[in-house]
C-alpha cells in the first residue's frame, strides 16, 4: 500500500476540489488504476492548522511501484495527472524529493 501526504498550495483548494470531483468515478482514473495494478485509490482532504492537505492511498499489486511507473509514463492522462499534482501540490513526481517514503509505524 502506498500513502502520500500532499499539502495543497495556497489558493488551490477550490481547484483541487474541482479536480477531485472530475476524477471521482471517471473512466480515465479507472483506466489508470487498471494499468498500474491498483485495486483501491482514495484521497482524503484534511484541514490542518498549516492549511489543507490530501492523504492519498493506493493499494493493489502495483502499489509499491505506482509513483515510479507514473513518473516514467508518457500516457496522455498520466501527463495531465502529473501536471495537476505539480499545479495543486507543487509535487514534481518526475523528480521525487530526497528521503524515504512514509514508514508504517502502527498496524499490520
C-alpha atoms as a PDB file:
ATOM      1  CA  UNK A   1       0.000   0.000   0.000  1.00  0.00           C
ATOM      2  CA  UNK A   2       1.234   3.460  -0.821  1.00  0.00           C
ATOM      3  CA  UNK A   3       0.453   6.510   1.297  1.00  0.00           C
ATOM      4  CA  UNK A   4       1.139  10.094   0.305  1.00  0.00           C
ATOM      5  CA  UNK A   5       0.657  13.282   2.319  1.00  0.00           C
ATOM      6  CA  UNK A   6       0.488  16.267  -0.007  1.00  0.00           C
ATOM      7  CA  UNK A   7      -0.219  19.799   1.209  1.00  0.00           C
ATOM      8  CA  UNK A   8      -2.448  21.800  -1.124  1.00  0.00           C
ATOM      9  CA  UNK A   9      -0.783  25.005  -2.288  1.00  0.00           C
ATOM     10  CA  UNK A  10      -2.223  28.299  -1.049  1.00  0.00           C
ATOM     11  CA  UNK A  11      -5.179  29.411  -3.133  1.00  0.00           C
ATOM     12  CA  UNK A  12      -5.586  25.998  -4.801  1.00  0.00           C
ATOM     13  CA  UNK A  13      -8.183  24.335  -2.552  1.00  0.00           C
ATOM     14  CA  UNK A  14     -11.163  25.088  -4.813  1.00  0.00           C
ATOM     15  CA  UNK A  15      -9.234  23.901  -7.871  1.00  0.00           C
ATOM     16  CA  UNK A  16      -8.281  20.704  -6.005  1.00  0.00           C
ATOM     17  CA  UNK A  17     -11.919  20.070  -5.057  1.00  0.00           C
ATOM     18  CA  UNK A  18     -12.964  20.557  -8.687  1.00  0.00           C
ATOM     19  CA  UNK A  19     -10.274  18.125  -9.859  1.00  0.00           C
ATOM     20  CA  UNK A  20     -11.339  15.580  -7.227  1.00  0.00           C
ATOM     21  CA  UNK A  21     -14.931  15.853  -8.454  1.00  0.00           C
ATOM     22  CA  UNK A  22     -13.795  15.296 -12.051  1.00  0.00           C
ATOM     23  CA  UNK A  23     -11.716  12.255 -11.085  1.00  0.00           C
ATOM     24  CA  UNK A  24     -14.307  10.635  -8.847  1.00  0.00           C
ATOM     25  CA  UNK A  25     -15.642   7.679 -10.822  1.00  0.00           C
ATOM     26  CA  UNK A  26     -14.038   8.789 -14.091  1.00  0.00           C
ATOM     27  CA  UNK A  27     -13.128   6.216 -16.710  1.00  0.00           C
ATOM     28  CA  UNK A  28      -9.680   7.808 -17.003  1.00  0.00           C
ATOM     29  CA  UNK A  29      -8.954   7.150 -13.317  1.00  0.00           C
ATOM     30  CA  UNK A  30     -10.357   3.624 -13.583  1.00  0.00           C
ATOM     31  CA  UNK A  31      -8.041   3.025 -16.551  1.00  0.00           C
ATOM     32  CA  UNK A  32      -5.043   4.446 -14.666  1.00  0.00           C
ATOM     33  CA  UNK A  33      -5.755   2.161 -11.714  1.00  0.00           C
ATOM     34  CA  UNK A  34      -6.132  -0.841 -14.018  1.00  0.00           C
ATOM     35  CA  UNK A  35      -2.911  -0.108 -15.916  1.00  0.00           C
ATOM     36  CA  UNK A  36      -0.911   0.160 -12.700  1.00  0.00           C
ATOM     37  CA  UNK A  37      -2.482  -2.745 -10.818  1.00  0.00           C
ATOM     38  CA  UNK A  38      -4.284  -0.626  -8.235  1.00  0.00           C
ATOM     39  CA  UNK A  39      -7.416  -2.037  -6.618  1.00  0.00           C
ATOM     40  CA  UNK A  40      -8.019   0.951  -4.358  1.00  0.00           C
ATOM     41  CA  UNK A  41      -7.112   4.601  -4.894  1.00  0.00           C
ATOM     42  CA  UNK A  42      -8.513   7.148  -2.464  1.00  0.00           C
ATOM     43  CA  UNK A  43      -7.784  10.738  -1.498  1.00  0.00           C
ATOM     44  CA  UNK A  44      -8.839  12.289   1.794  1.00  0.00           C
ATOM     45  CA  UNK A  45      -8.981  16.050   2.367  1.00  0.00           C
ATOM     46  CA  UNK A  46      -7.631  17.185   5.734  1.00  0.00           C
ATOM     47  CA  UNK A  47      -7.847  20.688   7.167  1.00  0.00           C
ATOM     48  CA  UNK A  48      -4.852  21.313   9.408  1.00  0.00           C
ATOM     49  CA  UNK A  49      -3.547  24.376  11.262  1.00  0.00           C
ATOM     50  CA  UNK A  50      -0.946  24.630   8.484  1.00  0.00           C
ATOM     51  CA  UNK A  51      -3.574  24.531   5.730  1.00  0.00           C
ATOM     52  CA  UNK A  52      -5.346  21.947   3.616  1.00  0.00           C
ATOM     53  CA  UNK A  53      -3.640  18.688   2.743  1.00  0.00           C
ATOM     54  CA  UNK A  54      -4.505  15.470   0.971  1.00  0.00           C
ATOM     55  CA  UNK A  55      -3.834  11.998   2.278  1.00  0.00           C
ATOM     56  CA  UNK A  56      -3.830   9.633  -0.697  1.00  0.00           C
ATOM     57  CA  UNK A  57      -3.679   5.865  -0.514  1.00  0.00           C
ATOM     58  CA  UNK A  58      -3.322   3.310  -3.247  1.00  0.00           C
ATOM     59  CA  UNK A  59      -3.475  -0.440  -2.820  1.00  0.00           C
ATOM     60  CA  UNK A  60      -3.035  -3.411  -5.089  1.00  0.00           C
ATOM     61  CA  UNK A  61      -0.276  -5.473  -6.660  1.00  0.00           C
ATOM     62  CA  UNK A  62       1.200  -2.399  -8.367  1.00  0.00           C
ATOM     63  CA  UNK A  63       1.042  -0.013  -5.430  1.00  0.00           C
ATOM     64  CA  UNK A  64       4.706  -0.284  -4.471  1.00  0.00           C
ATOM     65  CA  UNK A  65       5.883   0.945  -7.875  1.00  0.00           C
ATOM     66  CA  UNK A  66       2.900   3.120  -8.837  1.00  0.00           C
ATOM     67  CA  UNK A  67       4.555   6.529  -8.415  1.00  0.00           C
ATOM     68  CA  UNK A  68       7.738   5.395 -10.175  1.00  0.00           C
ATOM     69  CA  UNK A  69       5.770   3.965 -13.110  1.00  0.00           C
ATOM     70  CA  UNK A  70       3.581   7.085 -13.272  1.00  0.00           C
ATOM     71  CA  UNK A  71       6.700   9.265 -13.387  1.00  0.00           C
ATOM     72  CA  UNK A  72       8.018   7.235 -16.332  1.00  0.00           C
ATOM     73  CA  UNK A  73       4.728   7.245 -18.243  1.00  0.00           C
ATOM     74  CA  UNK A  74       4.040   9.193 -21.400  1.00  0.00           C
ATOM     75  CA  UNK A  75       0.311   8.385 -21.375  1.00  0.00           C
ATOM     76  CA  UNK A  76      -1.825  11.466 -22.109  1.00  0.00           C
ATOM     77  CA  UNK A  77      -3.995  11.150 -18.990  1.00  0.00           C
ATOM     78  CA  UNK A  78      -0.969  10.357 -16.831  1.00  0.00           C
ATOM     79  CA  UNK A  79       0.735  13.521 -18.084  1.00  0.00           C
ATOM     80  CA  UNK A  80      -2.337  15.598 -17.178  1.00  0.00           C
ATOM     81  CA  UNK A  81      -2.468  13.870 -13.777  1.00  0.00           C
ATOM     82  CA  UNK A  82       1.199  14.702 -13.135  1.00  0.00           C
ATOM     83  CA  UNK A  83       0.628  18.302 -14.246  1.00  0.00           C
ATOM     84  CA  UNK A  84      -2.225  18.621 -11.727  1.00  0.00           C
ATOM     85  CA  UNK A  85      -0.028  17.240  -8.937  1.00  0.00           C
ATOM     86  CA  UNK A  86       2.520  19.933  -9.757  1.00  0.00           C
ATOM     87  CA  UNK A  87      -0.076  22.714 -10.090  1.00  0.00           C
ATOM     88  CA  UNK A  88      -2.074  21.907  -6.952  1.00  0.00           C
ATOM     89  CA  UNK A  89       0.544  20.400  -4.646  1.00  0.00           C
ATOM     90  CA  UNK A  90       3.880  21.558  -6.030  1.00  0.00           C
ATOM     91  CA  UNK A  91       4.774  17.855  -6.412  1.00  0.00           C
ATOM     92  CA  UNK A  92       7.018  17.042  -9.348  1.00  0.00           C
ATOM     93  CA  UNK A  93       6.987  13.254  -9.343  1.00  0.00           C
ATOM     94  CA  UNK A  94       9.472  13.251 -12.199  1.00  0.00           C
ATOM     95  CA  UNK A  95      11.959  14.481  -9.566  1.00  0.00           C
ATOM     96  CA  UNK A  96      10.851  12.987  -6.246  1.00  0.00           C
ATOM     97  CA  UNK A  97      12.102  14.634  -3.057  1.00  0.00           C
ATOM     98  CA  UNK A  98      15.054  13.073  -1.274  1.00  0.00           C
ATOM     99  CA  UNK A  99      14.442  10.810   1.658  1.00  0.00           C
ATOM    100  CA  UNK A 100      12.450   7.694   2.362  1.00  0.00           C
ATOM    101  CA  UNK A 101       8.793   7.048   1.688  1.00  0.00           C
ATOM    102  CA  UNK A 102       6.410   7.119   4.682  1.00  0.00           C
ATOM    103  CA  UNK A 103       7.024   4.299   7.117  1.00  0.00           C
ATOM    104  CA  UNK A 104       4.159   2.383   8.718  1.00  0.00           C
ATOM    105  CA  UNK A 105       4.566   2.569  12.474  1.00  0.00           C
ATOM    106  CA  UNK A 106       1.285   1.043  13.719  1.00  0.00           C
ATOM    107  CA  UNK A 107      -0.745  -1.730  12.110  1.00  0.00           C
ATOM    108  CA  UNK A 108      -0.013  -4.885  10.334  1.00  0.00           C
END
